[in-house]
PDB file of N, CA and C in Angstrom:
ATOM      1  N   MET A   1      -7.236 -38.724-160.089  1.00  0.00           N
ATOM      2  CA  MET A   1      -6.995 -38.201-162.217  1.00  0.00           C
ATOM      3  C   MET A   1      -5.631 -36.641-160.359  1.00  0.00           C
ATOM      4  N   ASP A   2      -5.398 -36.636-161.387  1.00  0.00           N
ATOM      5  CA  ASP A   2      -4.047 -35.516-160.919  1.00  0.00           C
ATOM      6  C   ASP A   2      -3.205 -34.832-162.574  1.00  0.00           C
ATOM      7  N   PHE A   3      -2.268 -34.379-162.697  1.00  0.00           N
ATOM      8  CA  PHE A   3      -1.598 -33.231-163.939  1.00  0.00           C
ATOM      9  C   PHE A   3      -0.092 -33.102-163.376  1.00  0.00           C
ATOM     10  N   VAL A   4       0.614 -33.996-163.961  1.00  0.00           N
ATOM     11  CA  VAL A   4       2.214 -33.284-163.575  1.00  0.00           C
ATOM     12  C   VAL A   4       2.244 -32.405-164.786  1.00  0.00           C
ATOM     13  N   SER A   5       2.970 -31.354-164.253  1.00  0.00           N
ATOM     14  CA  SER A   5       3.355 -30.790-165.131  1.00  0.00           C
ATOM     15  C   SER A   5       4.429 -29.771-165.152  1.00  0.00           C
ATOM     16  N   GLY A   6       4.452 -29.127-165.948  1.00  0.00           N
ATOM     17  CA  GLY A   6       6.792 -28.764-165.553  1.00  0.00           C
ATOM     18  C   GLY A   6       7.175 -29.073-166.422  1.00  0.00           C
ATOM     19  N   LEU A   7       7.047 -30.120-166.763  1.00  0.00           N
ATOM     20  CA  LEU A   7       7.929 -31.484-167.680  1.00  0.00           C
ATOM     21  C   LEU A   7       9.196 -30.225-168.658  1.00  0.00           C
ATOM     22  N   PRO A   8      10.355 -31.446-169.440  1.00  0.00           N
ATOM     23  CA  PRO A   8      10.395 -30.933-171.010  1.00  0.00           C
ATOM     24  C   PRO A   8       9.812 -31.109-171.989  1.00  0.00           C
ATOM     25  N   LEU A   9       9.922 -30.371-173.000  1.00  0.00           N
ATOM     26  CA  LEU A   9       9.200 -30.303-173.395  1.00  0.00           C
ATOM     27  C   LEU A   9       9.560 -32.085-174.748  1.00  0.00           C
ATOM     28  N   MET A  10       8.542 -33.064-174.291  1.00  0.00           N
ATOM     29  CA  MET A  10       8.724 -34.138-175.438  1.00  0.00           C
ATOM     30  C   MET A  10       8.891 -33.266-176.821  1.00  0.00           C
ATOM     31  N   PRO A  11       9.354 -34.582-177.647  1.00  0.00           N
ATOM     32  CA  PRO A  11       9.520 -34.024-179.177  1.00  0.00           C
ATOM     33  C   PRO A  11       7.690 -34.213-179.887  1.00  0.00           C
ATOM     34  N   THR A  12       6.477 -34.992-179.045  1.00  0.00           N
ATOM     35  CA  THR A  12       5.090 -34.920-179.697  1.00  0.00           C
ATOM     36  C   THR A  12       5.129 -33.341-179.399  1.00  0.00           C
ATOM     37  N   LYS A  13       5.839 -32.898-178.902  1.00  0.00           N
ATOM     38  CA  LYS A  13       4.870 -31.815-178.318  1.00  0.00           C
ATOM     39  C   LYS A  13       4.024 -31.440-176.241  1.00  0.00           C
ATOM     40  N   LYS A  14       3.932 -32.370-176.091  1.00  0.00           N
ATOM     41  CA  LYS A  14       3.500 -32.877-174.609  1.00  0.00           C
ATOM     42  C   LYS A  14       4.428 -32.377-173.658  1.00  0.00           C
ATOM     43  N   ASP A  15       3.925 -31.523-172.237  1.00  0.00           N
ATOM     44  CA  ASP A  15       4.828 -30.672-171.188  1.00  0.00           C
ATOM     45  C   ASP A  15       4.490 -31.964-170.139  1.00  0.00           C
ATOM     46  N   SER A  16       3.102 -32.238-170.401  1.00  0.00           N
ATOM     47  CA  SER A  16       2.418 -32.516-169.259  1.00  0.00           C
ATOM     48  C   SER A  16       2.215 -34.361-169.002  1.00  0.00           C
ATOM     49  N   ILE A  17       2.045 -34.768-167.286  1.00  0.00           N
ATOM     50  CA  ILE A  17       1.279 -35.932-167.773  1.00  0.00           C
ATOM     51  C   ILE A  17      -0.117 -36.103-167.332  1.00  0.00           C
ATOM     52  N   TRP A  18      -0.440 -36.689-167.664  1.00  0.00           N
ATOM     53  CA  TRP A  18      -2.292 -36.826-166.594  1.00  0.00           C
ATOM     54  C   TRP A  18      -2.269 -38.564-166.654  1.00  0.00           C
ATOM     55  N   VAL A  19      -2.372 -38.636-165.034  1.00  0.00           N
ATOM     56  CA  VAL A  19      -2.325 -39.811-164.655  1.00  0.00           C
ATOM     57  C   VAL A  19      -3.513 -39.920-163.634  1.00  0.00           C
ATOM     58  N   ILE A  20      -3.888 -41.228-164.032  1.00  0.00           N
ATOM     59  CA  ILE A  20      -5.028 -41.906-163.992  1.00  0.00           C
ATOM     60  C   ILE A  20      -5.362 -42.910-162.784  1.00  0.00           C
ATOM     61  N   VAL A  21      -5.442 -42.943-161.588  1.00  0.00           N
ATOM     62  CA  VAL A  21      -5.920 -44.348-160.876  1.00  0.00           C
ATOM     63  C   VAL A  21      -6.778 -44.659-160.323  1.00  0.00           C
ATOM     64  N   ASP A  22      -6.838 -46.193-161.401  1.00  0.00           N
ATOM     65  CA  ASP A  22      -7.821 -46.497-160.151  1.00  0.00           C
ATOM     66  C   ASP A  22      -7.386 -47.485-159.361  1.00  0.00           C
ATOM     67  N   ARG A  23      -8.678 -46.933-158.446  1.00  0.00           N
ATOM     68  CA  ARG A  23      -8.279 -46.600-156.642  1.00  0.00           C
ATOM     69  C   ARG A  23      -8.775 -48.877-156.245  1.00  0.00           C
ATOM     70  N   LEU A  24      -9.938 -49.388-156.738  1.00  0.00           N
ATOM     71  CA  LEU A  24      -9.802 -50.635-156.609  1.00  0.00           C
ATOM     72  C   LEU A  24      -8.633 -51.499-156.971  1.00  0.00           C
ATOM     73  N   ALA A  25      -8.734 -51.101-158.064  1.00  0.00           N
ATOM     74  CA  ALA A  25      -7.705 -52.933-158.983  1.00  0.00           C
ATOM     75  C   ALA A  25      -6.508 -51.642-158.809  1.00  0.00           C
ATOM     76  N   LYS A  26      -5.794 -50.018-158.819  1.00  0.00           N
ATOM     77  CA  LYS A  26      -4.982 -49.349-158.425  1.00  0.00           C
ATOM     78  C   LYS A  26      -3.813 -49.888-160.327  1.00  0.00           C
ATOM     79  N   PRO A  27      -4.127 -49.824-161.167  1.00  0.00           N
ATOM     80  CA  PRO A  27      -3.567 -49.818-162.317  1.00  0.00           C
ATOM     81  C   PRO A  27      -3.181 -48.198-162.558  1.00  0.00           C
ATOM     82  N   ALA A  28      -2.779 -47.709-162.810  1.00  0.00           N
ATOM     83  CA  ALA A  28      -2.034 -46.420-163.110  1.00  0.00           C
ATOM     84  C   ALA A  28      -2.048 -45.820-164.719  1.00  0.00           C
ATOM     85  N   HIS A  29      -2.123 -45.035-164.763  1.00  0.00           N
ATOM     86  CA  HIS A  29      -2.101 -44.837-166.133  1.00  0.00           C
ATOM     87  C   HIS A  29      -1.680 -43.765-166.942  1.00  0.00           C
ATOM     88  N   CYS A  30      -0.361 -43.353-167.403  1.00  0.00           N
ATOM     89  CA  CYS A  30      -0.150 -41.818-167.572  1.00  0.00           C
ATOM     90  C   CYS A  30      -0.170 -41.459-168.827  1.00  0.00           C
ATOM     91  N   ILE A  31      -0.887 -40.457-169.318  1.00  0.00           N
ATOM     92  CA  ILE A  31      -1.317 -39.744-170.292  1.00  0.00           C
ATOM     93  C   ILE A  31      -0.081 -38.838-170.764  1.00  0.00           C
ATOM     94  N   PRO A  32       0.518 -38.642-171.785  1.00  0.00           N
ATOM     95  CA  PRO A  32       1.022 -37.218-171.846  1.00  0.00           C
ATOM     96  C   PRO A  32       0.001 -36.428-172.648  1.00  0.00           C
ATOM     97  N   VAL A  33       0.620 -35.246-171.917  1.00  0.00           N
ATOM     98  CA  VAL A  33      -0.751 -34.709-172.123  1.00  0.00           C
ATOM     99  C   VAL A  33       0.005 -32.980-172.660  1.00  0.00           C
ATOM    100  N   ARG A  34      -0.948 -32.234-173.186  1.00  0.00           N
ATOM    101  CA  ARG A  34       0.002 -30.665-172.998  1.00  0.00           C
ATOM    102  C   ARG A  34      -0.956 -30.018-172.344  1.00  0.00           C
ATOM    103  N   THR A  35      -0.582 -28.986-171.259  1.00  0.00           N
ATOM    104  CA  THR A  35      -1.173 -27.373-170.182  1.00  0.00           C
ATOM    105  C   THR A  35      -2.133 -27.394-170.851  1.00  0.00           C
ATOM    106  N   ASP A  36      -2.251 -27.033-172.250  1.00  0.00           N
ATOM    107  CA  ASP A  36      -3.569 -25.991-172.706  1.00  0.00           C
ATOM    108  C   ASP A  36      -4.023 -27.414-173.419  1.00  0.00           C
ATOM    109  N   TYR A  37      -4.533 -28.475-173.193  1.00  0.00           N
ATOM    110  CA  TYR A  37      -5.880 -28.555-173.500  1.00  0.00           C
ATOM    111  C   TYR A  37      -6.977 -28.891-172.878  1.00  0.00           C
ATOM    112  N   SER A  38      -8.032 -28.518-173.606  1.00  0.00           N
ATOM    113  CA  SER A  38      -9.426 -28.461-173.363  1.00  0.00           C
ATOM    114  C   SER A  38      -9.686 -29.688-172.294  1.00  0.00           C
ATOM    115  N   LEU A  39     -10.755 -29.056-171.828  1.00  0.00           N
ATOM    116  CA  LEU A  39     -11.743 -29.762-171.137  1.00  0.00           C
ATOM    117  C   LEU A  39     -12.192 -31.341-172.267  1.00  0.00           C
ATOM    118  N   GLN A  40     -12.364 -30.480-173.034  1.00  0.00           N
ATOM    119  CA  GLN A  40     -13.890 -31.517-174.384  1.00  0.00           C
ATOM    120  C   GLN A  40     -11.734 -32.171-174.695  1.00  0.00           C
ATOM    121  N   LYS A  41     -11.016 -31.998-175.174  1.00  0.00           N
ATOM    122  CA  LYS A  41     -10.041 -32.715-175.531  1.00  0.00           C
ATOM    123  C   LYS A  41      -9.511 -33.791-174.968  1.00  0.00           C
ATOM    124  N   LEU A  42      -9.574 -33.862-173.208  1.00  0.00           N
ATOM    125  CA  LEU A  42      -9.428 -34.585-171.786  1.00  0.00           C
ATOM    126  C   LEU A  42      -9.866 -35.535-171.660  1.00  0.00           C
ATOM    127  N   ALA A  43     -11.444 -34.797-171.845  1.00  0.00           N
ATOM    128  CA  ALA A  43     -12.867 -35.900-171.974  1.00  0.00           C
ATOM    129  C   ALA A  43     -12.430 -37.319-173.285  1.00  0.00           C
ATOM    130  N   LYS A  44     -12.143 -36.768-174.188  1.00  0.00           N
ATOM    131  CA  LYS A  44     -11.690 -37.074-175.945  1.00  0.00           C
ATOM    132  C   LYS A  44     -11.027 -38.515-175.376  1.00  0.00           C
ATOM    133  N   LEU A  45      -9.769 -37.831-174.565  1.00  0.00           N
ATOM    134  CA  LEU A  45      -8.397 -38.213-174.297  1.00  0.00           C
ATOM    135  C   LEU A  45      -9.060 -39.743-172.911  1.00  0.00           C
ATOM    136  N   TYR A  46     -10.105 -39.343-172.036  1.00  0.00           N
ATOM    137  CA  TYR A  46     -10.391 -40.438-171.488  1.00  0.00           C
ATOM    138  C   TYR A  46     -11.258 -41.654-171.843  1.00  0.00           C
ATOM    139  N   MET A  47     -12.242 -41.494-172.826  1.00  0.00           N
ATOM    140  CA  MET A  47     -12.631 -42.801-173.700  1.00  0.00           C
ATOM    141  C   MET A  47     -12.399 -43.050-174.372  1.00  0.00           C
ATOM    142  N   ALA A  48     -10.957 -42.650-174.765  1.00  0.00           N
ATOM    143  CA  ALA A  48     -10.287 -42.928-176.216  1.00  0.00           C
ATOM    144  C   ALA A  48      -9.135 -44.192-175.081  1.00  0.00           C
ATOM    145  N   GLU A  49      -8.465 -43.632-174.126  1.00  0.00           N
ATOM    146  CA  GLU A  49      -7.577 -44.805-173.634  1.00  0.00           C
ATOM    147  C   GLU A  49      -8.098 -44.759-172.207  1.00  0.00           C
ATOM    148  N   ILE A  50      -9.046 -44.855-172.092  1.00  0.00           N
ATOM    149  CA  ILE A  50      -9.440 -45.160-170.060  1.00  0.00           C
ATOM    150  C   ILE A  50     -10.755 -45.937-170.254  1.00  0.00           C
ATOM    151  N   VAL A  51     -12.191 -45.743-170.764  1.00  0.00           N
ATOM    152  CA  VAL A  51     -13.384 -46.322-171.142  1.00  0.00           C
ATOM    153  C   VAL A  51     -12.912 -47.494-171.757  1.00  0.00           C
ATOM    154  N   ARG A  52     -12.672 -47.296-173.162  1.00  0.00           N
ATOM    155  CA  ARG A  52     -11.750 -48.539-173.946  1.00  0.00           C
ATOM    156  C   ARG A  52     -11.493 -49.485-173.091  1.00  0.00           C
ATOM    157  N   LEU A  53     -10.491 -49.737-172.350  1.00  0.00           N
ATOM    158  CA  LEU A  53     -10.171 -50.689-171.365  1.00  0.00           C
ATOM    159  C   LEU A  53     -10.733 -50.955-170.268  1.00  0.00           C
ATOM    160  N   HIS A  54     -11.649 -49.948-169.101  1.00  0.00           N
ATOM    161  CA  HIS A  54     -12.045 -50.545-168.378  1.00  0.00           C
ATOM    162  C   HIS A  54     -13.921 -50.111-168.159  1.00  0.00           C
ATOM    163  N   GLY A  55     -14.274 -49.490-169.162  1.00  0.00           N
ATOM    164  CA  GLY A  55     -15.708 -49.063-169.443  1.00  0.00           C
ATOM    165  C   GLY A  55     -15.643 -47.879-168.026  1.00  0.00           C
ATOM    166  N   VAL A  56     -16.907 -47.636-168.446  1.00  0.00           N
ATOM    167  CA  VAL A  56     -16.998 -46.118-168.095  1.00  0.00           C
ATOM    168  C   VAL A  56     -17.163 -46.592-166.157  1.00  0.00           C
ATOM    169  N   SER A  57     -16.598 -44.949-165.335  1.00  0.00           N
ATOM    170  CA  SER A  57     -16.533 -45.265-164.141  1.00  0.00           C
ATOM    171  C   SER A  57     -17.549 -44.990-163.207  1.00  0.00           C
ATOM    172  N   VAL A  58     -17.807 -45.697-162.071  1.00  0.00           N
ATOM    173  CA  VAL A  58     -18.723 -45.263-161.719  1.00  0.00           C
ATOM    174  C   VAL A  58     -18.930 -43.630-160.835  1.00  0.00           C
ATOM    175  N   SER A  59     -18.062 -43.631-160.213  1.00  0.00           N
ATOM    176  CA  SER A  59     -17.291 -42.039-159.480  1.00  0.00           C
ATOM    177  C   SER A  59     -15.663 -41.610-159.853  1.00  0.00           C
ATOM    178  N   ILE A  60     -15.888 -40.378-160.141  1.00  0.00           N
ATOM    179  CA  ILE A  60     -14.277 -39.816-160.857  1.00  0.00           C
ATOM    180  C   ILE A  60     -13.672 -39.204-159.674  1.00  0.00           C
ATOM    181  N   ILE A  61     -12.938 -38.871-159.341  1.00  0.00           N
ATOM    182  CA  ILE A  61     -11.876 -37.745-158.139  1.00  0.00           C
ATOM    183  C   ILE A  61     -10.857 -36.694-158.973  1.00  0.00           C
ATOM    184  N   SER A  62     -10.984 -36.036-158.841  1.00  0.00           N
ATOM    185  CA  SER A  62     -10.289 -35.048-159.661  1.00  0.00           C
ATOM    186  C   SER A  62      -9.390 -34.438-158.734  1.00  0.00           C
ATOM    187  N   ASP A  63      -8.008 -34.028-159.059  1.00  0.00           N
ATOM    188  CA  ASP A  63      -7.089 -32.550-158.008  1.00  0.00           C
ATOM    189  C   ASP A  63      -7.999 -30.995-157.780  1.00  0.00           C
ATOM    190  N   ARG A  64      -8.930 -31.168-158.286  1.00  0.00           N
ATOM    191  CA  ARG A  64      -9.754 -29.940-158.785  1.00  0.00           C
ATOM    192  C   ARG A  64      -8.501 -28.762-159.347  1.00  0.00           C
ATOM    193  N   ASP A  65      -8.856 -29.313-160.470  1.00  0.00           N
ATOM    194  CA  ASP A  65      -8.004 -28.533-161.367  1.00  0.00           C
ATOM    195  C   ASP A  65      -9.213 -27.512-162.233  1.00  0.00           C
ATOM    196  N   PRO A  66      -8.686 -26.385-162.245  1.00  0.00           N
ATOM    197  CA  PRO A  66     -10.211 -25.363-162.701  1.00  0.00           C
ATOM    198  C   PRO A  66     -11.045 -25.921-164.295  1.00  0.00           C
ATOM    199  N   ARG A  67      -9.969 -26.706-164.865  1.00  0.00           N
ATOM    200  CA  ARG A  67     -10.543 -27.793-165.682  1.00  0.00           C
ATOM    201  C   ARG A  67     -11.994 -28.340-165.687  1.00  0.00           C
ATOM    202  N   PHE A  68     -11.535 -28.600-164.478  1.00  0.00           N
ATOM    203  CA  PHE A  68     -12.805 -29.735-164.145  1.00  0.00           C
ATOM    204  C   PHE A  68     -13.442 -28.657-163.346  1.00  0.00           C
ATOM    205  N   THR A  69     -14.238 -28.079-162.429  1.00  0.00           N
ATOM    206  CA  THR A  69     -14.285 -27.086-161.401  1.00  0.00           C
ATOM    207  C   THR A  69     -15.181 -25.621-162.031  1.00  0.00           C
ATOM    208  N   SER A  70     -14.593 -25.472-162.782  1.00  0.00           N
ATOM    209  CA  SER A  70     -15.546 -24.294-163.323  1.00  0.00           C
ATOM    210  C   SER A  70     -16.751 -24.446-164.448  1.00  0.00           C
TER     211      SER A  70
END
């Protein structure tokens, strides 16, 4: 998981992209988000966009974003 931030504001008020890559199958999921989304909002998005398609992950590797490590 990684965030690409500093992008121009989209019409939907999103300013970042959350990139999630499955290391085994290699599909990349790019989910538009806002930089001020809380961990709870990101968890709901993860469930709706990733778990819905692939099931629950055995392990998750993040970029050590403060939202995930604090």
